[in-house]
Amino acid sequence: MAGTGTRTQDLLGRLADLSEEAIQRLAETPGADRVVGTLNGLRERVDDLQKRVRGLENLEKRLDALEQKVDALAKGAPSHRSTARSAGSKGESPTKKS
């Protein structure tokens, strides 16, 4: 069993070395700098998009709260409207006091 552990470590070491070598080869290829630049630009755009989406979520919450307030006001509004109409129908101005 002790031999299996060292074999696994050797295998992982070889994989790490091969990965590093592959990354170095990719970096040396022509056009790799353009690909890296494009990927960095894409990362920045995705970050900006995530920030905007978070902002939209906050706006949706605020909109829901405002809609609830409007609904609550709309339920209580008929009694308020009727008093305003009755005062206006008597020929008195609601802002004018005698």
Protein backbone atom coordinates (compact mmCIF):
# COMPACT_ATOMS: atom_id res chain seq x y z
CA MET A 1 0.00 0.00 0.00
CA ALA A 2 2.90 2.37 0.65
CA GLY A 3 3.99 1.97 -2.98
CA THR A 4 0.57 3.06 -4.20
CA GLY A 5 0.80 6.40 -2.36
CA THR A 6 4.16 7.27 -3.88
CA ARG A 7 2.94 6.23 -7.33
CA THR A 8 -0.03 8.57 -6.95
CA GLN A 9 2.24 11.42 -5.89
CA ASP A 10 4.53 10.74 -8.83
CA LEU A 11 1.55 10.72 -11.18
CA LEU A 12 0.23 13.99 -9.75
CA GLY A 13 3.70 15.53 -10.00
CA ARG A 14 3.95 14.50 -13.65
CA LEU A 15 0.49 15.93 -14.37
CA ALA A 16 1.46 19.21 -12.74
CA ASP A 17 4.65 19.39 -14.77
CA LEU A 18 2.80 18.63 -17.99
CA SER A 19 0.18 21.26 -17.18
CA GLU A 20 2.82 23.91 -16.59
CA GLU A 21 4.55 22.95 -19.81
CA ALA A 22 1.30 23.12 -21.77
CA ILE A 23 0.51 26.57 -20.35
CA GLN A 24 3.98 27.81 -21.31
CA ARG A 25 3.58 26.46 -24.85
CA LEU A 26 0.19 28.15 -25.18
CA ALA A 27 1.63 31.45 -23.97
CA GLU A 28 4.37 31.25 -26.60
CA THR A 29 2.03 30.64 -29.54
CA PRO A 30 1.37 33.52 -31.94
CA GLY A 31 -1.84 35.32 -31.14
CA ALA A 32 -1.94 34.08 -27.56
CA ASP A 33 -1.68 37.64 -26.29
CA ARG A 34 -4.79 38.57 -28.26
CA VAL A 35 -6.68 35.60 -26.83
CA VAL A 36 -5.60 36.50 -23.30
CA GLY A 37 -6.60 40.14 -23.89
CA THR A 38 -9.98 39.07 -25.22
CA LEU A 39 -10.56 36.78 -22.25
CA ASN A 40 -9.64 39.55 -19.81
CA GLY A 41 -12.04 41.91 -21.60
CA LEU A 42 -14.74 39.28 -21.42
CA ARG A 43 -14.12 38.83 -17.70
CA GLU A 44 -14.50 42.57 -17.14
CA ARG A 45 -17.74 42.64 -19.13
CA VAL A 46 -19.16 39.71 -17.20
CA ASP A 47 -18.26 41.44 -13.91
CA ASP A 48 -20.03 44.61 -15.10
CA LEU A 49 -23.05 42.59 -16.16
CA GLN A 50 -23.23 40.91 -12.74
CA LYS A 51 -23.19 44.31 -11.04
CA ARG A 52 -26.00 45.53 -13.26
CA VAL A 53 -28.09 42.43 -12.60
CA ARG A 54 -27.65 42.92 -8.85
CA GLY A 55 -28.84 46.50 -9.32
CA LEU A 56 -31.91 45.26 -11.21
CA GLU A 57 -32.75 42.90 -8.36
CA ASN A 58 -32.73 45.84 -5.94
CA LEU A 59 -34.93 47.85 -8.30
CA GLU A 60 -37.39 44.95 -8.53
CA LYS A 61 -37.64 44.83 -4.73
CA ARG A 62 -38.26 48.57 -4.58
CA LEU A 63 -40.85 48.32 -7.35
CA ASP A 64 -42.69 45.54 -5.50
CA ALA A 65 -42.77 47.66 -2.34
CA LEU A 66 -44.08 50.66 -4.28
CA GLU A 67 -46.74 48.55 -5.98
CA GLN A 68 -47.94 47.34 -2.59
CA LYS A 69 -48.12 50.93 -1.34
CA VAL A 70 -50.07 52.00 -4.42
CA ASP A 71 -52.48 49.09 -3.95
CA ALA A 72 -52.97 50.04 -0.31
CA LEU A 73 -53.58 53.67 -1.25
CA ALA A 74 -55.96 52.67 -4.04
CA LYS A 75 -58.09 50.69 -1.58
CA GLY A 76 -58.41 53.68 0.73
CA ALA A 77 -58.72 56.27 -2.05
CA PRO A 78 -62.51 56.15 -2.75
CA SER A 79 -63.36 57.62 0.67
CA HIS A 80 -60.75 60.36 0.13
CA ARG A 81 -62.07 61.13 -3.34
CA SER A 82 -65.66 61.40 -2.20
CA THR A 83 -64.79 64.00 0.46
CA ALA A 84 -62.81 66.02 -2.08
CA ARG A 85 -65.73 65.92 -4.53
CA SER A 86 -68.29 66.90 -1.92
CA ALA A 87 -66.19 69.89 -0.86
CA GLY A 88 -65.75 70.89 -4.49
CA SER A 89 -69.45 70.49 -5.26
CA LYS A 90 -70.42 73.04 -2.59
CA GLY A 91 -68.48 75.66 -4.47
CA GLU A 92 -65.80 75.93 -1.84
CA SER A 93 -62.15 75.58 -2.66
CA PRO A 94 -60.35 72.96 -0.52
CA THR A 95 -57.39 75.34 -0.05
CA LYS A 96 -59.48 78.45 0.61
CA LYS A 97 -60.63 78.94 4.22
CA SER A 98 -63.40 81.37 5.20
